[in-house]
Amino acid sequence: DSFFGNFSVIAVSSLFSLMGLILFMFTVTVP
């Protein structure tokens, strides 16, 4: 609402989610 607009916030947040899931994937697959 204040700075970046909805589209930009969703795009950046989705990238955070992807990075988090990639790290989680490493945790699951790397003994």
Full PDB file with SEQRES, HELIX, SHEET, SSBOND, CRYST1, ORIGX, SCALE, CONECT and MASTER records, all heavy atoms in Angstrom:
SEQRES   1 A   31  ASP SER PHE PHE GLY ASN PHE SER VAL ILE ALA VAL SER          
SEQRES   2 A   31  SER LEU PHE SER LEU MET GLY LEU ILE LEU PHE MET PHE          
SEQRES   3 A   31  THR VAL THR VAL PRO                                          
HELIX    1 AA1 ASN A    6  THR A   29  1                                  24    
CRYST1    1.000    1.000    1.000  90.00  90.00  90.00 P 1           1          
ORIGX1      1.000000  0.000000  0.000000        0.00000                         
ORIGX2      0.000000  1.000000  0.000000        0.00000                         
ORIGX3      0.000000  0.000000  1.000000        0.00000                         
SCALE1      1.000000  0.000000  0.000000        0.00000                         
SCALE2      0.000000  1.000000  0.000000        0.00000                         
SCALE3      0.000000  0.000000  1.000000        0.00000                         
ATOM      1  N   ASP A   1       0.814  -1.219   0.000  1.00  0.00           N  
ATOM      2  CA  ASP A   1       0.000   0.000   0.000  1.00  0.00           C  
ATOM      3  C   ASP A   1       0.848   1.270   0.000  1.00  0.00           C  
ATOM      4  O   ASP A   1       0.451   2.289  -0.566  1.00  0.00           O  
ATOM      5  CB  ASP A   1      -0.915   0.020   1.230  1.00  0.00           C  
ATOM      6  CG  ASP A   1      -2.115  -0.898   1.075  1.00  0.00           C  
ATOM      7  OD1 ASP A   1      -2.505  -1.161  -0.073  1.00  0.00           O  
ATOM      8  OD2 ASP A   1      -2.656  -1.358   2.095  1.00  0.00           O  
ATOM      9  N   SER A   2       2.000   1.220   0.650  1.00  0.00           N  
ATOM     10  CA  SER A   2       2.768   2.443   0.887  1.00  0.00           C  
ATOM     11  C   SER A   2       3.865   2.699  -0.134  1.00  0.00           C  
ATOM     12  O   SER A   2       4.143   3.853  -0.460  1.00  0.00           O  
ATOM     13  CB  SER A   2       3.397   2.392   2.286  1.00  0.00           C  
ATOM     14  OG  SER A   2       2.419   2.203   3.284  1.00  0.00           O  
ATOM     15  N   PHE A   3       4.508   1.635  -0.626  1.00  0.00           N  
ATOM     16  CA  PHE A   3       5.719   1.863  -1.401  1.00  0.00           C  
ATOM     17  C   PHE A   3       5.755   1.165  -2.757  1.00  0.00           C  
ATOM     18  O   PHE A   3       5.932   1.812  -3.789  1.00  0.00           O  
ATOM     19  CB  PHE A   3       6.944   1.398  -0.581  1.00  0.00           C  
ATOM     20  CG  PHE A   3       7.027   2.025   0.782  1.00  0.00           C  
ATOM     21  CD1 PHE A   3       6.734   1.280   1.920  1.00  0.00           C  
ATOM     22  CD2 PHE A   3       7.400   3.353   0.925  1.00  0.00           C  
ATOM     23  CE1 PHE A   3       6.813   1.850   3.169  1.00  0.00           C  
ATOM     24  CE2 PHE A   3       7.480   3.934   2.179  1.00  0.00           C  
ATOM     25  CZ  PHE A   3       7.184   3.180   3.310  1.00  0.00           C  
ATOM     26  N   PHE A   4       5.595  -0.156  -2.789  1.00  0.00           N  
ATOM     27  CA  PHE A   4       5.971  -0.916  -3.974  1.00  0.00           C  
ATOM     28  C   PHE A   4       4.809  -1.380  -4.839  1.00  0.00           C  
ATOM     29  O   PHE A   4       5.024  -1.751  -5.996  1.00  0.00           O  
ATOM     30  CB  PHE A   4       6.794  -2.143  -3.550  1.00  0.00           C  
ATOM     31  CG  PHE A   4       7.977  -1.795  -2.696  1.00  0.00           C  
ATOM     32  CD1 PHE A   4       8.020  -2.167  -1.359  1.00  0.00           C  
ATOM     33  CD2 PHE A   4       9.036  -1.074  -3.216  1.00  0.00           C  
ATOM     34  CE1 PHE A   4       9.107  -1.838  -0.574  1.00  0.00           C  
ATOM     35  CE2 PHE A   4      10.129  -0.743  -2.430  1.00  0.00           C  
ATOM     36  CZ  PHE A   4      10.164  -1.126  -1.104  1.00  0.00           C  
ATOM     37  N   GLY A   5       3.596  -1.409  -4.318  1.00  0.00           N  
ATOM     38  CA  GLY A   5       2.474  -1.929  -5.074  1.00  0.00           C  
ATOM     39  C   GLY A   5       2.348  -3.433  -4.901  1.00  0.00           C  
ATOM     40  O   GLY A   5       3.301  -4.125  -4.517  1.00  0.00           O  
ATOM     41  N   ASN A   6       1.158  -3.957  -5.199  1.00  0.00           N  
ATOM     42  CA  ASN A   6       0.872  -5.370  -4.954  1.00  0.00           C  
ATOM     43  C   ASN A   6       1.702  -6.302  -5.830  1.00  0.00           C  
ATOM     44  O   ASN A   6       2.227  -7.315  -5.357  1.00  0.00           O  
ATOM     45  CB  ASN A   6      -0.615  -5.644  -5.200  1.00  0.00           C  
ATOM     46  CG  ASN A   6      -1.501  -4.894  -4.234  1.00  0.00           C  
ATOM     47  OD1 ASN A   6      -1.250  -4.890  -3.043  1.00  0.00           O  
ATOM     48  ND2 ASN A   6      -2.541  -4.263  -4.746  1.00  0.00           N  
ATOM     49  N   PHE A   7       1.802  -5.974  -7.105  1.00  0.00           N  
ATOM     50  CA  PHE A   7       2.483  -6.878  -8.032  1.00  0.00           C  
ATOM     51  C   PHE A   7       3.939  -7.095  -7.626  1.00  0.00           C  
ATOM     52  O   PHE A   7       4.425  -8.233  -7.612  1.00  0.00           O  
ATOM     53  CB  PHE A   7       2.401  -6.315  -9.454  1.00  0.00           C  
ATOM     54  CG  PHE A   7       2.950  -7.238 -10.503  1.00  0.00           C  
ATOM     55  CD1 PHE A   7       2.136  -8.209 -11.082  1.00  0.00           C  
ATOM     56  CD2 PHE A   7       4.278  -7.147 -10.901  1.00  0.00           C  
ATOM     57  CE1 PHE A   7       2.654  -9.076 -12.049  1.00  0.00           C  
ATOM     58  CE2 PHE A   7       4.789  -8.008 -11.862  1.00  0.00           C  
ATOM     59  CZ  PHE A   7       3.972  -8.974 -12.434  1.00  0.00           C  
ATOM     60  N   SER A   8       4.622  -6.028  -7.295  1.00  0.00           N  
ATOM     61  CA  SER A   8       6.033  -6.142  -6.927  1.00  0.00           C  
ATOM     62  C   SER A   8       6.213  -6.932  -5.642  1.00  0.00           C  
ATOM     63  O   SER A   8       7.130  -7.753  -5.525  1.00  0.00           O  
ATOM     64  CB  SER A   8       6.650  -4.744  -6.767  1.00  0.00           C  
ATOM     65  OG  SER A   8       6.596  -4.020  -7.975  1.00  0.00           O  
ATOM     66  N   VAL A   9       5.335  -6.704  -4.661  1.00  0.00           N  
ATOM     67  CA  VAL A   9       5.434  -7.413  -3.393  1.00  0.00           C  
ATOM     68  C   VAL A   9       5.214  -8.910  -3.596  1.00  0.00           C  
ATOM     69  O   VAL A   9       5.927  -9.746  -3.022  1.00  0.00           O  
ATOM     70  CB  VAL A   9       4.421  -6.850  -2.368  1.00  0.00           C  
ATOM     71  CG1 VAL A   9       4.300  -7.762  -1.150  1.00  0.00           C  
ATOM     72  CG2 VAL A   9       4.844  -5.455  -1.930  1.00  0.00           C  
ATOM     73  N   ILE A  10       4.229  -9.265  -4.428  1.00  0.00           N  
ATOM     74  CA  ILE A  10       3.961 -10.684  -4.692  1.00  0.00           C  
ATOM     75  C   ILE A  10       5.138 -11.333  -5.410  1.00  0.00           C  
ATOM     76  O   ILE A  10       5.559 -12.448  -5.063  1.00  0.00           O  
ATOM     77  CB  ILE A  10       2.677 -10.840  -5.531  1.00  0.00           C  
ATOM     78  CG1 ILE A  10       1.456 -10.401  -4.719  1.00  0.00           C  
ATOM     79  CG2 ILE A  10       2.502 -12.293  -5.991  1.00  0.00           C  
ATOM     80  CD1 ILE A  10       0.188 -10.329  -5.522  1.00  0.00           C  
ATOM     81  N   ALA A  11       5.692 -10.648  -6.404  1.00  0.00           N  
ATOM     82  CA  ALA A  11       6.805 -11.206  -7.161  1.00  0.00           C  
ATOM     83  C   ALA A  11       8.016 -11.461  -6.267  1.00  0.00           C  
ATOM     84  O   ALA A  11       8.616 -12.542  -6.289  1.00  0.00           O  
ATOM     85  CB  ALA A  11       7.180 -10.270  -8.312  1.00  0.00           C  
ATOM     86  N   VAL A  12       8.374 -10.473  -5.449  1.00  0.00           N  
ATOM     87  CA  VAL A  12       9.530 -10.615  -4.558  1.00  0.00           C  
ATOM     88  C   VAL A  12       9.260 -11.672  -3.488  1.00  0.00           C  
ATOM     89  O   VAL A  12      10.129 -12.493  -3.170  1.00  0.00           O  
ATOM     90  CB  VAL A  12       9.883  -9.265  -3.917  1.00  0.00           C  
ATOM     91  CG1 VAL A  12      10.981  -9.433  -2.876  1.00  0.00           C  
ATOM     92  CG2 VAL A  12      10.324  -8.260  -4.977  1.00  0.00           C  
ATOM     93  N   SER A  13       8.048 -11.674  -2.931  1.00  0.00           N  
ATOM     94  CA  SER A  13       7.700 -12.656  -1.904  1.00  0.00           C  
ATOM     95  C   SER A  13       7.761 -14.071  -2.456  1.00  0.00           C  
ATOM     96  O   SER A  13       8.208 -15.001  -1.769  1.00  0.00           O  
ATOM     97  CB  SER A  13       6.300 -12.373  -1.357  1.00  0.00           C  
ATOM     98  OG  SER A  13       6.241 -11.106  -0.732  1.00  0.00           O  
ATOM     99  N   SER A  14       7.307 -14.248  -3.688  1.00  0.00           N  
ATOM    100  CA  SER A  14       7.355 -15.563  -4.308  1.00  0.00           C  
ATOM    101  C   SER A  14       8.790 -16.052  -4.476  1.00  0.00           C  
ATOM    102  O   SER A  14       9.079 -17.241  -4.329  1.00  0.00           O  
ATOM    103  CB  SER A  14       6.656 -15.538  -5.673  1.00  0.00           C  
ATOM    104  OG  SER A  14       5.286 -15.211  -5.528  1.00  0.00           O  
ATOM    105  N   LEU A  15       9.686 -15.116  -4.757  1.00  0.00           N  
ATOM    106  CA  LEU A  15      11.094 -15.483  -4.857  1.00  0.00           C  
ATOM    107  C   LEU A  15      11.634 -15.924  -3.495  1.00  0.00           C  
ATOM    108  O   LEU A  15      12.434 -16.865  -3.407  1.00  0.00           O  
ATOM    109  CB  LEU A  15      11.910 -14.306  -5.397  1.00  0.00           C  
ATOM    110  CG  LEU A  15      11.655 -13.931  -6.857  1.00  0.00           C  
ATOM    111  CD1 LEU A  15      12.463 -12.696  -7.251  1.00  0.00           C  
ATOM    112  CD2 LEU A  15      12.008 -15.097  -7.776  1.00  0.00           C  
ATOM    113  N   PHE A  16      11.215 -15.247  -2.425  1.00  0.00           N  
ATOM    114  CA  PHE A  16      11.593 -15.670  -1.076  1.00  0.00           C  
ATOM    115  C   PHE A  16      11.103 -17.095  -0.809  1.00  0.00           C  
ATOM    116  O   PHE A  16      11.824 -17.921  -0.238  1.00  0.00           O  
ATOM    117  CB  PHE A  16      11.026 -14.710  -0.026  1.00  0.00           C  
ATOM    118  CG  PHE A  16      11.867 -13.497   0.220  1.00  0.00           C  
ATOM    119  CD1 PHE A  16      11.394 -12.228  -0.067  1.00  0.00           C  
ATOM    120  CD2 PHE A  16      13.142 -13.621   0.750  1.00  0.00           C  
ATOM    121  CE1 PHE A  16      12.168 -11.101   0.159  1.00  0.00           C  
ATOM    122  CE2 PHE A  16      13.937 -12.509   0.983  1.00  0.00           C  
ATOM    123  CZ  PHE A  16      13.455 -11.238   0.677  1.00  0.00           C  
ATOM    124  N   SER A  17       9.859 -17.363  -1.197  1.00  0.00           N  
ATOM    125  CA  SER A  17       9.301 -18.706  -0.997  1.00  0.00           C  
ATOM    126  C   SER A  17      10.118 -19.752  -1.742  1.00  0.00           C  
ATOM    127  O   SER A  17      10.401 -20.836  -1.207  1.00  0.00           O  
ATOM    128  CB  SER A  17       7.840 -18.758  -1.470  1.00  0.00           C  
ATOM    129  OG  SER A  17       7.003 -17.982  -0.651  1.00  0.00           O  
ATOM    130  N   LEU A  18      10.490 -19.427  -2.983  1.00  0.00           N  
ATOM    131  CA  LEU A  18      11.284 -20.367  -3.770  1.00  0.00           C  
ATOM    132  C   LEU A  18      12.642 -20.628  -3.124  1.00  0.00           C  
ATOM    133  O   LEU A  18      13.102 -21.774  -3.052  1.00  0.00           O  
ATOM    134  CB  LEU A  18      11.461 -19.832  -5.193  1.00  0.00           C  
ATOM    135  CG  LEU A  18      10.212 -19.802  -6.074  1.00  0.00           C  
ATOM    136  CD1 LEU A  18      10.530 -19.222  -7.439  1.00  0.00           C  
ATOM    137  CD2 LEU A  18       9.632 -21.197  -6.222  1.00  0.00           C  
ATOM    138  N   MET A  19      13.288 -19.564  -2.648  1.00  0.00           N  
ATOM    139  CA  MET A  19      14.587 -19.743  -1.989  1.00  0.00           C  
ATOM    140  C   MET A  19      14.436 -20.592  -0.731  1.00  0.00           C  
ATOM    141  O   MET A  19      15.276 -21.460  -0.445  1.00  0.00           O  
ATOM    142  CB  MET A  19      15.196 -18.376  -1.661  1.00  0.00           C  
ATOM    143  CG  MET A  19      15.691 -17.613  -2.871  1.00  0.00           C  
ATOM    144  SD  MET A  19      16.645 -16.127  -2.437  1.00  0.00           S  
ATOM    145  CE  MET A  19      15.357 -15.111  -1.675  1.00  0.00           C  
ATOM    146  N   GLY A  20      13.362 -20.346   0.019  1.00  0.00           N  
ATOM    147  CA  GLY A  20      13.123 -21.131   1.223  1.00  0.00           C  
ATOM    148  C   GLY A  20      12.899 -22.600   0.913  1.00  0.00           C  
ATOM    149  O   GLY A  20      13.440 -23.483   1.591  1.00  0.00           O  
ATOM    150  N   LEU A  21      12.105 -22.872  -0.134  1.00  0.00           N  
ATOM    151  CA  LEU A  21      11.830 -24.259  -0.502  1.00  0.00           C  
ATOM    152  C   LEU A  21      13.063 -24.951  -1.082  1.00  0.00           C  
ATOM    153  O   LEU A  21      13.263 -26.160  -0.890  1.00  0.00           O  
ATOM    154  CB  LEU A  21      10.676 -24.308  -1.507  1.00  0.00           C  
ATOM    155  CG  LEU A  21       9.275 -24.182  -0.910  1.00  0.00           C  
ATOM    156  CD1 LEU A  21       8.236 -24.085  -2.022  1.00  0.00           C  
ATOM    157  CD2 LEU A  21       8.970 -25.355   0.003  1.00  0.00           C  
ATOM    158  N   ILE A  22      13.894 -24.192  -1.794  1.00  0.00           N  
ATOM    159  CA  ILE A  22      15.134 -24.776  -2.313  1.00  0.00           C  
ATOM    160  C   ILE A  22      16.038 -25.196  -1.155  1.00  0.00           C  
ATOM    161  O   ILE A  22      16.619 -26.300  -1.157  1.00  0.00           O  
ATOM    162  CB  ILE A  22      15.848 -23.776  -3.246  1.00  0.00           C  
ATOM    163  CG1 ILE A  22      15.055 -23.605  -4.551  1.00  0.00           C  
ATOM    164  CG2 ILE A  22      17.267 -24.255  -3.561  1.00  0.00           C  
ATOM    165  CD1 ILE A  22      15.575 -22.496  -5.439  1.00  0.00           C  
ATOM    166  N   LEU A  23      16.170 -24.327  -0.144  1.00  0.00           N  
ATOM    167  CA  LEU A  23      16.960 -24.684   1.038  1.00  0.00           C  
ATOM    168  C   LEU A  23      16.355 -25.879   1.762  1.00  0.00           C  
ATOM    169  O   LEU A  23      17.072 -26.776   2.233  1.00  0.00           O  
ATOM    170  CB  LEU A  23      17.053 -23.486   1.989  1.00  0.00           C  
ATOM    171  CG  LEU A  23      18.205 -22.508   1.788  1.00  0.00           C  
ATOM    172  CD1 LEU A  23      18.140 -21.404   2.832  1.00  0.00           C  
ATOM    173  CD2 LEU A  23      19.543 -23.216   1.852  1.00  0.00           C  
ATOM    174  N   PHE A  24      15.026 -25.879   1.858  1.00  0.00           N  
ATOM    175  CA  PHE A  24      14.342 -26.998   2.514  1.00  0.00           C  
ATOM    176  C   PHE A  24      14.575 -28.294   1.738  1.00  0.00           C  
ATOM    177  O   PHE A  24      14.731 -29.370   2.325  1.00  0.00           O  
ATOM    178  CB  PHE A  24      12.845 -26.686   2.627  1.00  0.00           C  
ATOM    179  CG  PHE A  24      12.124 -27.536   3.635  1.00  0.00           C  
ATOM    180  CD1 PHE A  24      12.670 -27.798   4.875  1.00  0.00           C  
ATOM    181  CD2 PHE A  24      10.881 -28.078   3.345  1.00  0.00           C  
ATOM    182  CE1 PHE A  24      12.001 -28.568   5.809  1.00  0.00           C  
ATOM    183  CE2 PHE A  24      10.201 -28.856   4.262  1.00  0.00           C  
ATOM    184  CZ  PHE A  24      10.771 -29.101   5.502  1.00  0.00           C  
ATOM    185  N   MET A  25      14.604 -28.175   0.417  1.00  0.00           N  
ATOM    186  CA  MET A  25      14.872 -29.338  -0.429  1.00  0.00           C  
ATOM    187  C   MET A  25      16.265 -29.879  -0.158  1.00  0.00           C  
ATOM    188  O   MET A  25      16.484 -31.099  -0.100  1.00  0.00           O  
ATOM    189  CB  MET A  25      14.727 -28.942  -1.903  1.00  0.00           C  
ATOM    190  CG  MET A  25      14.760 -30.118  -2.870  1.00  0.00           C  
ATOM    191  SD  MET A  25      13.289 -31.154  -2.707  1.00  0.00           S  
ATOM    192  CE  MET A  25      13.616 -32.371  -3.980  1.00  0.00           C  
ATOM    193  N   PHE A  26      17.241 -28.979   0.016  1.00  0.00           N  
ATOM    194  CA  PHE A  26      18.587 -29.417   0.367  1.00  0.00           C  
ATOM    195  C   PHE A  26      18.592 -30.148   1.705  1.00  0.00           C  
ATOM    196  O   PHE A  26      19.267 -31.174   1.875  1.00  0.00           O  
ATOM    197  CB  PHE A  26      19.539 -28.211   0.437  1.00  0.00           C  
ATOM    198  CG  PHE A  26      19.946 -27.686  -0.909  1.00  0.00           C  
ATOM    199  CD1 PHE A  26      20.166 -26.333  -1.095  1.00  0.00           C  
ATOM    200  CD2 PHE A  26      20.111 -28.536  -1.993  1.00  0.00           C  
ATOM    201  CE1 PHE A  26      20.540 -25.839  -2.328  1.00  0.00           C  
ATOM    202  CE2 PHE A  26      20.491 -28.053  -3.238  1.00  0.00           C  
ATOM    203  CZ  PHE A  26      20.702 -26.696  -3.405  1.00  0.00           C  
ATOM    204  N   THR A  27      17.829 -29.622   2.659  1.00  0.00           N  
ATOM    205  CA  THR A  27      17.754 -30.251   3.974  1.00  0.00           C  
ATOM    206  C   THR A  27      17.194 -31.663   3.878  1.00  0.00           C  
ATOM    207  O   THR A  27      17.631 -32.570   4.586  1.00  0.00           O  
ATOM    208  CB  THR A  27      16.857 -29.398   4.913  1.00  0.00           C  
ATOM    209  OG1 THR A  27      17.428 -28.099   5.057  1.00  0.00           O  
ATOM    210  CG2 THR A  27      16.747 -30.034   6.283  1.00  0.00           C  
ATOM    211  N   VAL A  28      16.221 -31.835   2.987  1.00  0.00           N  
ATOM    212  CA  VAL A  28      15.569 -33.142   2.839  1.00  0.00           C  
ATOM    213  C   VAL A  28      16.451 -34.132   2.098  1.00  0.00           C  
ATOM    214  O   VAL A  28      16.484 -35.324   2.436  1.00  0.00           O  
ATOM    215  CB  VAL A  28      14.220 -32.970   2.098  1.00  0.00           C  
ATOM    216  CG1 VAL A  28      13.641 -34.323   1.714  1.00  0.00           C  
ATOM    217  CG2 VAL A  28      13.234 -32.207   2.978  1.00  0.00           C  
ATOM    218  N   THR A  29      17.183 -33.656   1.089  1.00  0.00           N  
ATOM    219  CA  THR A  29      17.899 -34.568   0.196  1.00  0.00           C  
ATOM    220  C   THR A  29      19.369 -34.767   0.541  1.00  0.00           C  
ATOM    221  O   THR A  29      19.963 -35.775   0.138  1.00  0.00           O  
ATOM    222  CB  THR A  29      17.795 -34.061  -1.257  1.00  0.00           C  
ATOM    223  OG1 THR A  29      18.308 -32.719  -1.331  1.00  0.00           O  
ATOM    224  CG2 THR A  29      16.354 -34.078  -1.733  1.00  0.00           C  
ATOM    225  N   VAL A  30      19.978 -33.821   1.253  1.00  0.00           N  
ATOM    226  CA  VAL A  30      21.403 -33.934   1.591  1.00  0.00           C  
ATOM    227  C   VAL A  30      21.543 -34.493   3.010  1.00  0.00           C  
ATOM    228  O   VAL A  30      21.192 -33.822   3.984  1.00  0.00           O  
ATOM    229  CB  VAL A  30      22.103 -32.561   1.486  1.00  0.00           C  
ATOM    230  CG1 VAL A  30      23.585 -32.691   1.848  1.00  0.00           C  
ATOM    231  CG2 VAL A  30      21.943 -31.987   0.082  1.00  0.00           C  
ATOM    232  N   PRO A  31      22.046 -35.723   3.166  1.00  0.00           N  
ATOM    233  CA  PRO A  31      22.127 -36.353   4.493  1.00  0.00           C  
ATOM    234  C   PRO A  31      22.935 -35.557   5.508  1.00  0.00           C  
ATOM    235  O   PRO A  31      22.608 -35.555   6.703  1.00  0.00           O  
ATOM    236  CB  PRO A  31      22.792 -37.703   4.186  1.00  0.00           C  
ATOM    237  CG  PRO A  31      22.464 -37.975   2.756  1.00  0.00           C  
ATOM    238  CD  PRO A  31      22.474 -36.637   2.098  1.00  0.00           C  
TER     239      PRO A  31                                                      
MASTER        0    0    0    1    0    0    0    6  238    1    0    3          
END                                                                             
